[in-house]
Amino acid sequence: MLFDESLATARQTFADQFGMLGSRLAYRRYQRGPAIPVSEAERDAAIEAFERKARWLSWTMLAGAIFMTGLSLAVALLISVTWSFLVLGFGVAVLVGALFVGFRRAWVSSTGTFNGRTPIARELDHDEARRAMLSKMSWGQLGIGAGVTCVVVGGQALTHDLFHGWYRLWLVGGAAFLMAFAFRAWQKWRWQS
């Protein structure tokens, strides 16, 4: 299907909020909140509800993208190309905002029945949450991220002089991404040793 891979990733990220705590199944909002006891049926229902909402949202976003592309094309043909770029830019901004808000609502509303329950464990502190996040991040992901950054900036360097004008922002952005990947790698190395 069209969105299967991205929906599977979103589903797995949502499902990662559920895990065993001792002998009990618990839900931690954003993988760091207080541990709330849940049953397997409640976990499965929440995951299914999130997946259903996320699939609906994905198809809605596709329809919105097709509509905005058609509207931009109509504006280009009837008014001017400049206005069509403005319409398309505005449409993309609206779609990205709607996607963010929609996924956030799907994420929160799928677990709304867990609110008000007594937690069985406290919220993870900052260091515990960071360790949990770094344990799920592989060295390969960090390497691929740094590699993609180098390829993108290098590709720009082949066609533009990155030391003049606004093209310097490619160097600044690339350096910022590489420093972020290096910092995460250092944190992961420090935590594992």
N, C-alpha and C. Protein backbone atom coordinates (compact mmCIF):
# COMPACT_ATOMS: atom_id res chain seq x y z
N MET A 1 0.84 -1.17 0.00
CA MET A 1 0.00 0.00 0.00
C MET A 1 0.89 1.24 0.00
N LEU A 2 0.29 2.38 -0.23
CA LEU A 2 1.04 3.61 -0.43
C LEU A 2 1.80 4.08 0.81
N PHE A 3 1.18 4.05 1.97
CA PHE A 3 1.79 4.61 3.18
C PHE A 3 2.26 3.54 4.16
N ASP A 4 2.34 2.29 3.74
CA ASP A 4 2.58 1.20 4.68
C ASP A 4 3.88 1.35 5.47
N GLU A 5 4.97 1.71 4.80
CA GLU A 5 6.25 1.79 5.51
C GLU A 5 6.28 2.92 6.53
N SER A 6 5.81 4.10 6.15
CA SER A 6 5.83 5.22 7.10
C SER A 6 4.83 5.00 8.22
N LEU A 7 3.68 4.40 7.92
CA LEU A 7 2.71 4.09 8.97
C LEU A 7 3.24 3.02 9.92
N ALA A 8 3.99 2.06 9.38
CA ALA A 8 4.57 1.02 10.25
C ALA A 8 5.57 1.64 11.21
N THR A 9 6.35 2.60 10.73
CA THR A 9 7.31 3.29 11.60
C THR A 9 6.58 4.08 12.68
N ALA A 10 5.53 4.83 12.29
CA ALA A 10 4.76 5.61 13.27
C ALA A 10 4.08 4.68 14.27
N ARG A 11 3.55 3.55 13.78
CA ARG A 11 2.88 2.58 14.66
C ARG A 11 3.87 2.02 15.68
N GLN A 12 5.08 1.68 15.22
CA GLN A 12 6.07 1.12 16.12
C GLN A 12 6.52 2.15 17.16
N THR A 13 6.69 3.39 16.74
CA THR A 13 7.05 4.45 17.69
C THR A 13 5.96 4.64 18.73
N PHE A 14 4.71 4.58 18.30
CA PHE A 14 3.59 4.69 19.24
C PHE A 14 3.57 3.47 20.17
N ALA A 15 3.77 2.28 19.62
CA ALA A 15 3.72 1.04 20.42
C ALA A 15 4.88 0.97 21.41
N ASP A 16 5.99 1.65 21.12
CA ASP A 16 7.14 1.64 22.03
C ASP A 16 6.83 2.29 23.37
N GLN A 17 5.72 3.03 23.45
CA GLN A 17 5.33 3.64 24.73
C GLN A 17 4.83 2.59 25.72
N PHE A 18 4.50 1.40 25.23
CA PHE A 18 4.01 0.32 26.07
C PHE A 18 5.14 -0.66 26.31
N GLY A 19 5.31 -1.10 27.54
CA GLY A 19 6.36 -2.06 27.84
C GLY A 19 6.13 -2.69 29.20
N MET A 20 6.87 -3.74 29.44
CA MET A 20 6.75 -4.44 30.71
C MET A 20 7.53 -3.69 31.79
N LEU A 21 6.93 -3.56 32.93
CA LEU A 21 7.57 -2.98 34.11
C LEU A 21 7.41 -4.02 35.20
N GLY A 22 8.46 -4.79 35.41
CA GLY A 22 8.34 -5.94 36.30
C GLY A 22 7.48 -6.98 35.61
N SER A 23 6.37 -7.35 36.22
CA SER A 23 5.48 -8.34 35.63
C SER A 23 4.22 -7.70 35.04
N ARG A 24 4.16 -6.36 35.02
CA ARG A 24 2.96 -5.66 34.56
C ARG A 24 3.25 -4.87 33.28
N LEU A 25 2.23 -4.84 32.44
CA LEU A 25 2.30 -4.03 31.22
C LEU A 25 1.98 -2.59 31.60
N ALA A 26 2.81 -1.65 31.15
CA ALA A 26 2.63 -0.25 31.51
C ALA A 26 2.76 0.64 30.27
N TYR A 27 2.14 1.80 30.36
CA TYR A 27 2.19 2.82 29.31
C TYR A 27 2.94 4.03 29.86
N ARG A 28 3.97 4.48 29.13
CA ARG A 28 4.69 5.70 29.46
C ARG A 28 4.52 6.68 28.31
N ARG A 29 3.83 7.79 28.57
CA ARG A 29 3.60 8.78 27.52
C ARG A 29 4.94 9.32 27.04
N TYR A 30 5.13 9.29 25.73
CA TYR A 30 6.38 9.70 25.08
C TYR A 30 7.59 8.92 25.62
N GLN A 31 7.35 7.73 26.12
CA GLN A 31 8.38 6.81 26.62
C GLN A 31 9.11 7.32 27.85
N ARG A 32 8.60 8.38 28.48
CA ARG A 32 9.29 8.89 29.67
C ARG A 32 8.34 9.29 30.80
N GLY A 33 7.04 9.32 30.54
CA GLY A 33 6.07 9.73 31.56
C GLY A 33 5.92 8.69 32.65
N PRO A 34 5.06 8.98 33.63
CA PRO A 34 4.82 7.99 34.69
C PRO A 34 4.26 6.70 34.08
N ALA A 35 4.61 5.58 34.67
CA ALA A 35 4.16 4.28 34.17
C ALA A 35 2.73 4.02 34.63
N ILE A 36 1.81 3.91 33.68
CA ILE A 36 0.40 3.69 33.98
C ILE A 36 0.07 2.25 33.61
N PRO A 37 -0.52 1.48 34.53
CA PRO A 37 -0.82 0.08 34.22
C PRO A 37 -1.93 -0.03 33.17
N VAL A 38 -1.75 -0.93 32.22
CA VAL A 38 -2.75 -1.20 31.18
C VAL A 38 -2.83 -2.70 30.95
N SER A 39 -3.92 -3.12 30.35
CA SER A 39 -4.04 -4.52 29.98
C SER A 39 -3.58 -4.69 28.53
N GLU A 40 -3.39 -5.93 28.11
CA GLU A 40 -2.98 -6.17 26.73
C GLU A 40 -4.08 -5.74 25.77
N ALA A 41 -5.34 -5.95 26.15
CA ALA A 41 -6.46 -5.54 25.29
C ALA A 41 -6.49 -4.02 25.13
N GLU A 42 -6.24 -3.29 26.21
CA GLU A 42 -6.21 -1.82 26.14
C GLU A 42 -5.05 -1.35 25.26
N ARG A 43 -3.88 -1.99 25.41
CA ARG A 43 -2.74 -1.64 24.57
C ARG A 43 -3.07 -1.87 23.10
N ASP A 44 -3.61 -3.04 22.78
CA ASP A 44 -3.93 -3.35 21.39
C ASP A 44 -4.98 -2.40 20.83
N ALA A 45 -5.99 -2.05 21.65
CA ALA A 45 -7.02 -1.11 21.19
C ALA A 45 -6.44 0.28 20.93
N ALA A 46 -5.53 0.73 21.80
CA ALA A 46 -4.91 2.05 21.62
C ALA A 46 -4.05 2.07 20.35
N ILE A 47 -3.28 1.01 20.13
CA ILE A 47 -2.44 0.94 18.93
C ILE A 47 -3.30 0.91 17.67
N GLU A 48 -4.38 0.13 17.70
CA GLU A 48 -5.28 0.05 16.56
C GLU A 48 -5.95 1.40 16.29
N ALA A 49 -6.38 2.08 17.35
CA ALA A 49 -7.01 3.40 17.18
C ALA A 49 -6.02 4.40 16.59
N PHE A 50 -4.77 4.38 17.07
CA PHE A 50 -3.76 5.29 16.52
C PHE A 50 -3.51 4.98 15.04
N GLU A 51 -3.38 3.70 14.72
CA GLU A 51 -3.09 3.32 13.33
C GLU A 51 -4.24 3.74 12.41
N ARG A 52 -5.47 3.56 12.85
CA ARG A 52 -6.63 3.94 12.05
C ARG A 52 -6.63 5.45 11.81
N LYS A 53 -6.38 6.23 12.86
CA LYS A 53 -6.36 7.70 12.72
C LYS A 53 -5.19 8.15 11.85
N ALA A 54 -4.03 7.52 12.01
CA ALA A 54 -2.86 7.90 11.21
C ALA A 54 -3.07 7.57 9.74
N ARG A 55 -3.70 6.43 9.45
CA ARG A 55 -3.97 6.07 8.05
C ARG A 55 -4.95 7.07 7.43
N TRP A 56 -6.00 7.42 8.16
CA TRP A 56 -6.97 8.39 7.66
C TRP A 56 -6.28 9.73 7.41
N LEU A 57 -5.42 10.14 8.33
CA LEU A 57 -4.71 11.40 8.20
C LEU A 57 -3.78 11.38 6.98
N SER A 58 -3.11 10.27 6.73
CA SER A 58 -2.21 10.17 5.58
C SER A 58 -2.97 10.32 4.27
N TRP A 59 -4.12 9.67 4.15
CA TRP A 59 -4.92 9.80 2.93
C TRP A 59 -5.48 11.21 2.79
N THR A 60 -5.85 11.83 3.88
CA THR A 60 -6.33 13.20 3.84
C THR A 60 -5.22 14.15 3.38
N MET A 61 -4.02 13.93 3.86
CA MET A 61 -2.89 14.77 3.44
C MET A 61 -2.58 14.58 1.95
N LEU A 62 -2.69 13.34 1.45
CA LEU A 62 -2.48 13.10 0.03
C LEU A 62 -3.52 13.86 -0.80
N ALA A 63 -4.79 13.79 -0.37
CA ALA A 63 -5.84 14.52 -1.08
C ALA A 63 -5.57 16.02 -1.03
N GLY A 64 -5.13 16.52 0.12
CA GLY A 64 -4.81 17.94 0.24
C GLY A 64 -3.65 18.34 -0.66
N ALA A 65 -2.64 17.48 -0.76
CA ALA A 65 -1.49 17.77 -1.63
C ALA A 65 -1.91 17.81 -3.10
N ILE A 66 -2.76 16.88 -3.49
CA ILE A 66 -3.25 16.86 -4.88
C ILE A 66 -4.07 18.13 -5.15
N PHE A 67 -4.93 18.50 -4.21
CA PHE A 67 -5.73 19.71 -4.37
C PHE A 67 -4.84 20.95 -4.49
N MET A 68 -3.84 21.06 -3.61
CA MET A 68 -2.97 22.24 -3.64
C MET A 68 -2.14 22.29 -4.93
N THR A 69 -1.72 21.15 -5.42
CA THR A 69 -0.99 21.12 -6.68
C THR A 69 -1.88 21.57 -7.83
N GLY A 70 -3.13 21.08 -7.85
CA GLY A 70 -4.07 21.49 -8.89
C GLY A 70 -4.40 22.97 -8.80
N LEU A 71 -4.58 23.46 -7.58
CA LEU A 71 -4.86 24.88 -7.39
C LEU A 71 -3.68 25.73 -7.86
N SER A 72 -2.47 25.30 -7.54
CA SER A 72 -1.28 26.03 -7.95
C SER A 72 -1.15 26.04 -9.48
N LEU A 73 -1.44 24.91 -10.09
CA LEU A 73 -1.38 24.83 -11.55
C LEU A 73 -2.44 25.75 -12.17
N ALA A 74 -3.64 25.77 -11.60
CA ALA A 74 -4.69 26.65 -12.12
C ALA A 74 -4.29 28.12 -11.98
N VAL A 75 -3.71 28.48 -10.86
CA VAL A 75 -3.26 29.86 -10.66
C VAL A 75 -2.16 30.20 -11.66
N ALA A 76 -1.25 29.25 -11.93
CA ALA A 76 -0.18 29.50 -12.90
C ALA A 76 -0.74 29.73 -14.29
N LEU A 77 -1.75 28.97 -14.66
CA LEU A 77 -2.32 29.10 -16.00
C LEU A 77 -3.21 30.34 -16.14
N LEU A 78 -3.92 30.69 -15.06
CA LEU A 78 -4.89 31.78 -15.15
C LEU A 78 -4.36 33.13 -14.71
N ILE A 79 -3.40 33.15 -13.77
CA ILE A 79 -2.93 34.44 -13.24
C ILE A 79 -1.46 34.62 -13.57
N SER A 80 -0.57 33.97 -12.79
CA SER A 80 0.86 34.06 -13.07
C SER A 80 1.60 32.96 -12.32
N VAL A 81 2.78 32.64 -12.80
CA VAL A 81 3.60 31.61 -12.17
C VAL A 81 4.05 32.06 -10.78
N THR A 82 4.35 33.33 -10.61
CA THR A 82 4.78 33.85 -9.31
C THR A 82 3.71 33.60 -8.26
N TRP A 83 2.46 33.90 -8.60
CA TRP A 83 1.38 33.67 -7.64
C TRP A 83 1.19 32.18 -7.37
N SER A 84 1.44 31.35 -8.37
CA SER A 84 1.28 29.91 -8.16
C SER A 84 2.30 29.39 -7.15
N PHE A 85 3.52 29.93 -7.18
CA PHE A 85 4.52 29.52 -6.18
C PHE A 85 4.11 29.96 -4.78
N LEU A 86 3.51 31.15 -4.67
CA LEU A 86 3.03 31.61 -3.37
C LEU A 86 1.90 30.72 -2.86
N VAL A 87 0.98 30.36 -3.75
CA VAL A 87 -0.13 29.48 -3.37
C VAL A 87 0.41 28.11 -2.95
N LEU A 88 1.36 27.58 -3.72
CA LEU A 88 1.93 26.27 -3.40
C LEU A 88 2.69 26.33 -2.07
N GLY A 89 3.46 27.38 -1.84
CA GLY A 89 4.19 27.52 -0.58
C GLY A 89 3.26 27.61 0.61
N PHE A 90 2.19 28.40 0.45
CA PHE A 90 1.20 28.51 1.52
C PHE A 90 0.52 27.16 1.76
N GLY A 91 0.21 26.46 0.68
CA GLY A 91 -0.43 25.15 0.79
C GLY A 91 0.44 24.13 1.49
N VAL A 92 1.72 24.13 1.17
CA VAL A 92 2.65 23.21 1.83
C VAL A 92 2.74 23.53 3.32
N ALA A 93 2.81 24.81 3.66
CA ALA A 93 2.87 25.20 5.07
C ALA A 93 1.61 24.74 5.81
N VAL A 94 0.46 24.92 5.20
CA VAL A 94 -0.80 24.49 5.82
C VAL A 94 -0.82 22.98 5.98
N LEU A 95 -0.40 22.24 4.96
CA LEU A 95 -0.41 20.78 5.03
C LEU A 95 0.56 20.25 6.09
N VAL A 96 1.75 20.83 6.18
CA VAL A 96 2.71 20.39 7.20
C VAL A 96 2.17 20.69 8.60
N GLY A 97 1.59 21.87 8.78
CA GLY A 97 0.99 22.21 10.08
C GLY A 97 -0.16 21.27 10.42
N ALA A 98 -1.02 20.99 9.45
CA ALA A 98 -2.15 20.08 9.69
C ALA A 98 -1.66 18.67 9.99
N LEU A 99 -0.60 18.24 9.32
CA LEU A 99 -0.05 16.91 9.58
C LEU A 99 0.50 16.83 11.00
N PHE A 100 1.22 17.86 11.42
CA PHE A 100 1.77 17.88 12.77
C PHE A 100 0.65 17.85 13.81
N VAL A 101 -0.34 18.73 13.66
CA VAL A 101 -1.45 18.80 14.62
C VAL A 101 -2.25 17.50 14.59
N GLY A 102 -2.49 16.97 13.40
CA GLY A 102 -3.28 15.74 13.28
C GLY A 102 -2.61 14.55 13.94
N PHE A 103 -1.31 14.38 13.70
CA PHE A 103 -0.60 13.26 14.32
C PHE A 103 -0.53 13.44 15.83
N ARG A 104 -0.37 14.64 16.27
CA ARG A 104 -0.32 14.90 17.72
C ARG A 104 -1.66 14.54 18.36
N ARG A 105 -2.75 14.93 17.72
CA ARG A 105 -4.09 14.60 18.25
C ARG A 105 -4.33 13.10 18.21
N ALA A 106 -3.93 12.44 17.13
CA ALA A 106 -4.10 10.99 17.04
C ALA A 106 -3.30 10.29 18.14
N TRP A 107 -2.09 10.80 18.40
CA TRP A 107 -1.20 10.23 19.41
C TRP A 107 -1.82 10.33 20.79
N VAL A 108 -2.34 11.53 21.12
CA VAL A 108 -2.87 11.77 22.46
C VAL A 108 -4.26 11.15 22.65
N SER A 109 -5.13 11.28 21.65
CA SER A 109 -6.50 10.80 21.81
C SER A 109 -6.58 9.28 21.85
N SER A 110 -5.62 8.58 21.28
CA SER A 110 -5.66 7.12 21.28
C SER A 110 -5.40 6.55 22.67
N THR A 111 -4.81 7.34 23.55
CA THR A 111 -4.51 6.87 24.91
C THR A 111 -5.26 7.67 25.96
N GLY A 112 -6.29 8.39 25.56
CA GLY A 112 -7.03 9.25 26.48
C GLY A 112 -7.70 8.50 27.62
N THR A 113 -8.01 7.23 27.43
CA THR A 113 -8.69 6.47 28.48
C THR A 113 -7.76 6.14 29.64
N PHE A 114 -6.46 6.33 29.47
CA PHE A 114 -5.51 6.02 30.54
C PHE A 114 -5.36 7.17 31.54
N ASN A 115 -5.87 8.34 31.20
CA ASN A 115 -5.75 9.50 32.08
C ASN A 115 -6.48 9.25 33.40
N GLY A 116 -5.91 9.72 34.48
CA GLY A 116 -6.54 9.60 35.78
C GLY A 116 -6.21 8.33 36.53
N ARG A 117 -5.49 7.42 35.91
CA ARG A 117 -5.11 6.20 36.61
C ARG A 117 -3.90 6.46 37.51
N THR A 118 -3.79 5.68 38.55
CA THR A 118 -2.67 5.81 39.47
C THR A 118 -1.43 5.17 38.86
N PRO A 119 -0.34 5.92 38.71
CA PRO A 119 0.88 5.35 38.14
C PRO A 119 1.49 4.30 39.08
N ILE A 120 2.18 3.34 38.47
CA ILE A 120 2.87 2.32 39.27
C ILE A 120 4.36 2.62 39.38
N ALA A 121 4.83 3.62 38.64
CA ALA A 121 6.23 4.05 38.73
C ALA A 121 6.29 5.52 38.34
N ARG A 122 7.31 6.18 38.84
CA ARG A 122 7.47 7.61 38.60
C ARG A 122 7.90 7.88 37.16
N GLU A 123 7.83 9.14 36.80
CA GLU A 123 8.30 9.59 35.49
C GLU A 123 9.82 9.42 35.41
N LEU A 124 10.34 9.08 34.22
CA LEU A 124 11.78 8.98 34.06
C LEU A 124 12.40 10.37 34.14
N ASP A 125 13.54 10.48 34.82
CA ASP A 125 14.21 11.78 34.85
C ASP A 125 14.93 12.01 33.52
N HIS A 126 15.52 13.17 33.38
CA HIS A 126 16.13 13.58 32.12
C HIS A 126 17.21 12.59 31.65
N ASP A 127 18.08 12.18 32.56
CA ASP A 127 19.17 11.25 32.20
C ASP A 127 18.64 9.88 31.82
N GLU A 128 17.65 9.38 32.55
CA GLU A 128 17.07 8.08 32.23
C GLU A 128 16.39 8.11 30.87
N ALA A 129 15.67 9.17 30.58
CA ALA A 129 15.00 9.30 29.29
C ALA A 129 16.02 9.38 28.15
N ARG A 130 17.11 10.12 28.37
CA ARG A 130 18.15 10.21 27.34
C ARG A 130 18.81 8.86 27.11
N ARG A 131 19.08 8.13 28.17
CA ARG A 131 19.68 6.79 28.03
C ARG A 131 18.76 5.86 27.24
N ALA A 132 17.48 5.91 27.55
CA ALA A 132 16.52 5.07 26.83
C ALA A 132 16.50 5.43 25.35
N MET A 133 16.53 6.73 25.03
CA MET A 133 16.53 7.17 23.64
C MET A 133 17.82 6.75 22.93
N LEU A 134 18.95 6.92 23.60
CA LEU A 134 20.22 6.58 22.97
C LEU A 134 20.37 5.07 22.79
N SER A 135 19.77 4.28 23.67
CA SER A 135 19.87 2.82 23.51
C SER A 135 19.10 2.34 22.28
N LYS A 136 18.08 3.08 21.86
CA LYS A 136 17.32 2.71 20.67
C LYS A 136 17.94 3.24 19.38
N MET A 137 18.86 4.19 19.51
CA MET A 137 19.52 4.78 18.36
C MET A 137 20.78 3.97 18.05
N SER A 138 20.90 3.51 16.82
CA SER A 138 22.05 2.68 16.46
C SER A 138 23.20 3.56 15.95
N TRP A 139 24.40 2.98 15.99
CA TRP A 139 25.57 3.67 15.43
C TRP A 139 25.38 3.90 13.94
N GLY A 140 24.73 2.94 13.28
CA GLY A 140 24.48 3.07 11.84
C GLY A 140 23.60 4.26 11.52
N GLN A 141 22.57 4.51 12.35
CA GLN A 141 21.71 5.67 12.12
C GLN A 141 22.51 6.96 12.23
N LEU A 142 23.37 7.04 13.22
CA LEU A 142 24.20 8.24 13.37
C LEU A 142 25.14 8.41 12.17
N GLY A 143 25.74 7.31 11.73
CA GLY A 143 26.64 7.37 10.58
C GLY A 143 25.92 7.74 9.29
N ILE A 144 24.75 7.16 9.09
CA ILE A 144 23.98 7.47 7.89
C ILE A 144 23.55 8.94 7.90
N GLY A 145 23.13 9.44 9.05
CA GLY A 145 22.74 10.84 9.13
C GLY A 145 23.89 11.78 8.79
N ALA A 146 25.08 11.47 9.33
CA ALA A 146 26.25 12.30 9.02
C ALA A 146 26.63 12.17 7.54
N GLY A 147 26.53 10.95 7.01
CA GLY A 147 26.85 10.73 5.60
C GLY A 147 25.91 11.46 4.67
N VAL A 148 24.62 11.41 4.95
CA VAL A 148 23.64 12.12 4.12
C VAL A 148 23.90 13.63 4.17
N THR A 149 24.24 14.14 5.35
CA THR A 149 24.55 15.56 5.47
C THR A 149 25.73 15.92 4.57
N CYS A 150 26.77 15.10 4.59
CA CYS A 150 27.95 15.37 3.75
C CYS A 150 27.59 15.30 2.26
N VAL A 151 26.77 14.33 1.88
CA VAL A 151 26.38 14.19 0.47
C VAL A 151 25.56 15.39 0.02
N VAL A 152 24.62 15.84 0.84
CA VAL A 152 23.78 16.98 0.46
C VAL A 152 24.62 18.25 0.33
N VAL A 153 25.46 18.53 1.32
CA VAL A 153 26.29 19.73 1.25
C VAL A 153 27.32 19.59 0.12
N GLY A 154 27.88 18.41 -0.05
CA GLY A 154 28.82 18.19 -1.15
C GLY A 154 28.16 18.36 -2.51
N GLY A 155 26.92 17.91 -2.63
CA GLY A 155 26.19 18.11 -3.89
C GLY A 155 25.98 19.58 -4.20
N GLN A 156 25.71 20.36 -3.17
CA GLN A 156 25.58 21.80 -3.37
C GLN A 156 26.93 22.43 -3.75
N ALA A 157 28.00 21.89 -3.18
CA ALA A 157 29.33 22.43 -3.47
C ALA A 157 29.73 22.18 -4.93
N LEU A 158 29.19 21.13 -5.54
CA LEU A 158 29.50 20.85 -6.94
C LEU A 158 28.89 21.87 -7.88
N THR A 159 27.77 22.47 -7.48
CA THR A 159 27.07 23.38 -8.39
C THR A 159 27.14 24.85 -7.97
N HIS A 160 27.58 25.12 -6.73
CA HIS A 160 27.60 26.50 -6.25
C HIS A 160 28.90 26.75 -5.47
N ASP A 161 29.28 28.00 -5.41
CA ASP A 161 30.41 28.40 -4.58
C ASP A 161 29.88 28.67 -3.18
N LEU A 162 30.15 27.74 -2.26
CA LEU A 162 29.57 27.81 -0.93
C LEU A 162 30.23 28.85 -0.02
N PHE A 163 31.25 29.53 -0.52
CA PHE A 163 31.94 30.52 0.30
C PHE A 163 31.50 31.95 -0.01
N HIS A 164 30.48 32.10 -0.87
CA HIS A 164 30.01 33.44 -1.23
C HIS A 164 28.50 33.52 -1.13
N GLY A 165 28.03 34.66 -0.68
CA GLY A 165 26.60 34.94 -0.64
C GLY A 165 25.84 34.04 0.33
N TRP A 166 24.58 33.84 -0.02
CA TRP A 166 23.70 33.05 0.83
C TRP A 166 24.05 31.58 0.84
N TYR A 167 24.89 31.15 -0.10
CA TYR A 167 25.28 29.73 -0.13
C TYR A 167 26.09 29.33 1.09
N ARG A 168 26.61 30.30 1.82
CA ARG A 168 27.32 29.98 3.07
C ARG A 168 26.41 29.27 4.07
N LEU A 169 25.11 29.52 3.95
CA LEU A 169 24.17 28.86 4.86
C LEU A 169 24.21 27.35 4.72
N TRP A 170 24.57 26.83 3.53
CA TRP A 170 24.73 25.38 3.37
C TRP A 170 25.86 24.87 4.26
N LEU A 171 26.94 25.64 4.32
CA LEU A 171 28.06 25.25 5.17
C LEU A 171 27.68 25.33 6.65
N VAL A 172 26.99 26.40 7.02
CA VAL A 172 26.58 26.57 8.42
C VAL A 172 25.62 25.45 8.82
N GLY A 173 24.62 25.20 7.98
CA GLY A 173 23.65 24.14 8.28
C GLY A 173 24.30 22.77 8.33
N GLY A 174 25.18 22.49 7.35
CA GLY A 174 25.88 21.21 7.34
C GLY A 174 26.75 21.02 8.57
N ALA A 175 27.46 22.07 8.95
CA ALA A 175 28.30 21.99 10.15
C ALA A 175 27.45 21.77 11.39
N ALA A 176 26.29 22.44 11.47
CA ALA A 176 25.41 22.27 12.63
C ALA A 176 24.90 20.84 12.72
N PHE A 177 24.49 20.26 11.59
CA PHE A 177 24.02 18.88 11.60
C PHE A 177 25.14 17.91 11.97
N LEU A 178 26.33 18.12 11.41
CA LEU A 178 27.45 17.24 11.75
C LEU A 178 27.82 17.33 13.22
N MET A 179 27.78 18.55 13.78
CA MET A 179 28.06 18.69 15.21
C MET A 179 26.99 18.00 16.05
N ALA A 180 25.73 18.08 15.62
CA ALA A 180 24.65 17.41 16.36
C ALA A 180 24.83 15.90 16.33
N PHE A 181 25.18 15.34 15.15
CA PHE A 181 25.42 13.90 15.07
C PHE A 181 26.64 13.50 15.90
N ALA A 182 27.69 14.32 15.86
CA ALA A 182 28.88 14.01 16.66
C ALA A 182 28.57 14.08 18.15
N PHE A 183 27.77 15.04 18.57
CA PHE A 183 27.40 15.16 19.98
C PHE A 183 26.60 13.95 20.43
N ARG A 184 25.62 13.49 19.61
CA ARG A 184 24.84 12.30 19.95
C ARG A 184 25.74 11.07 20.00
N ALA A 185 26.69 10.97 19.08
CA ALA A 185 27.62 9.83 19.09
C ALA A 185 28.47 9.86 20.36
N TRP A 186 28.93 11.03 20.75
CA TRP A 186 29.72 11.14 21.98
C TRP A 186 28.88 10.75 23.19
N GLN A 187 27.61 11.20 23.24
CA GLN A 187 26.73 10.84 24.34
C GLN A 187 26.51 9.33 24.39
N LYS A 188 26.29 8.72 23.25
CA LYS A 188 26.05 7.28 23.18
C LYS A 188 27.31 6.52 23.63
N TRP A 189 28.48 6.96 23.15
CA TRP A 189 29.74 6.31 23.56
C TRP A 189 29.96 6.44 25.05
N ARG A 190 29.73 7.64 25.59
CA ARG A 190 29.91 7.87 27.02
C ARG A 190 28.95 7.03 27.85
N TRP A 191 27.71 6.90 27.40
CA TRP A 191 26.72 6.12 28.14
C TRP A 191 27.04 4.63 28.10
N GLN A 192 27.55 4.16 26.96
CA GLN A 192 27.82 2.72 26.83
C GLN A 192 29.11 2.31 27.51
N SER A 193 30.05 3.26 27.77
CA SER A 193 31.31 2.85 28.40
C SER A 193 31.29 3.01 29.88
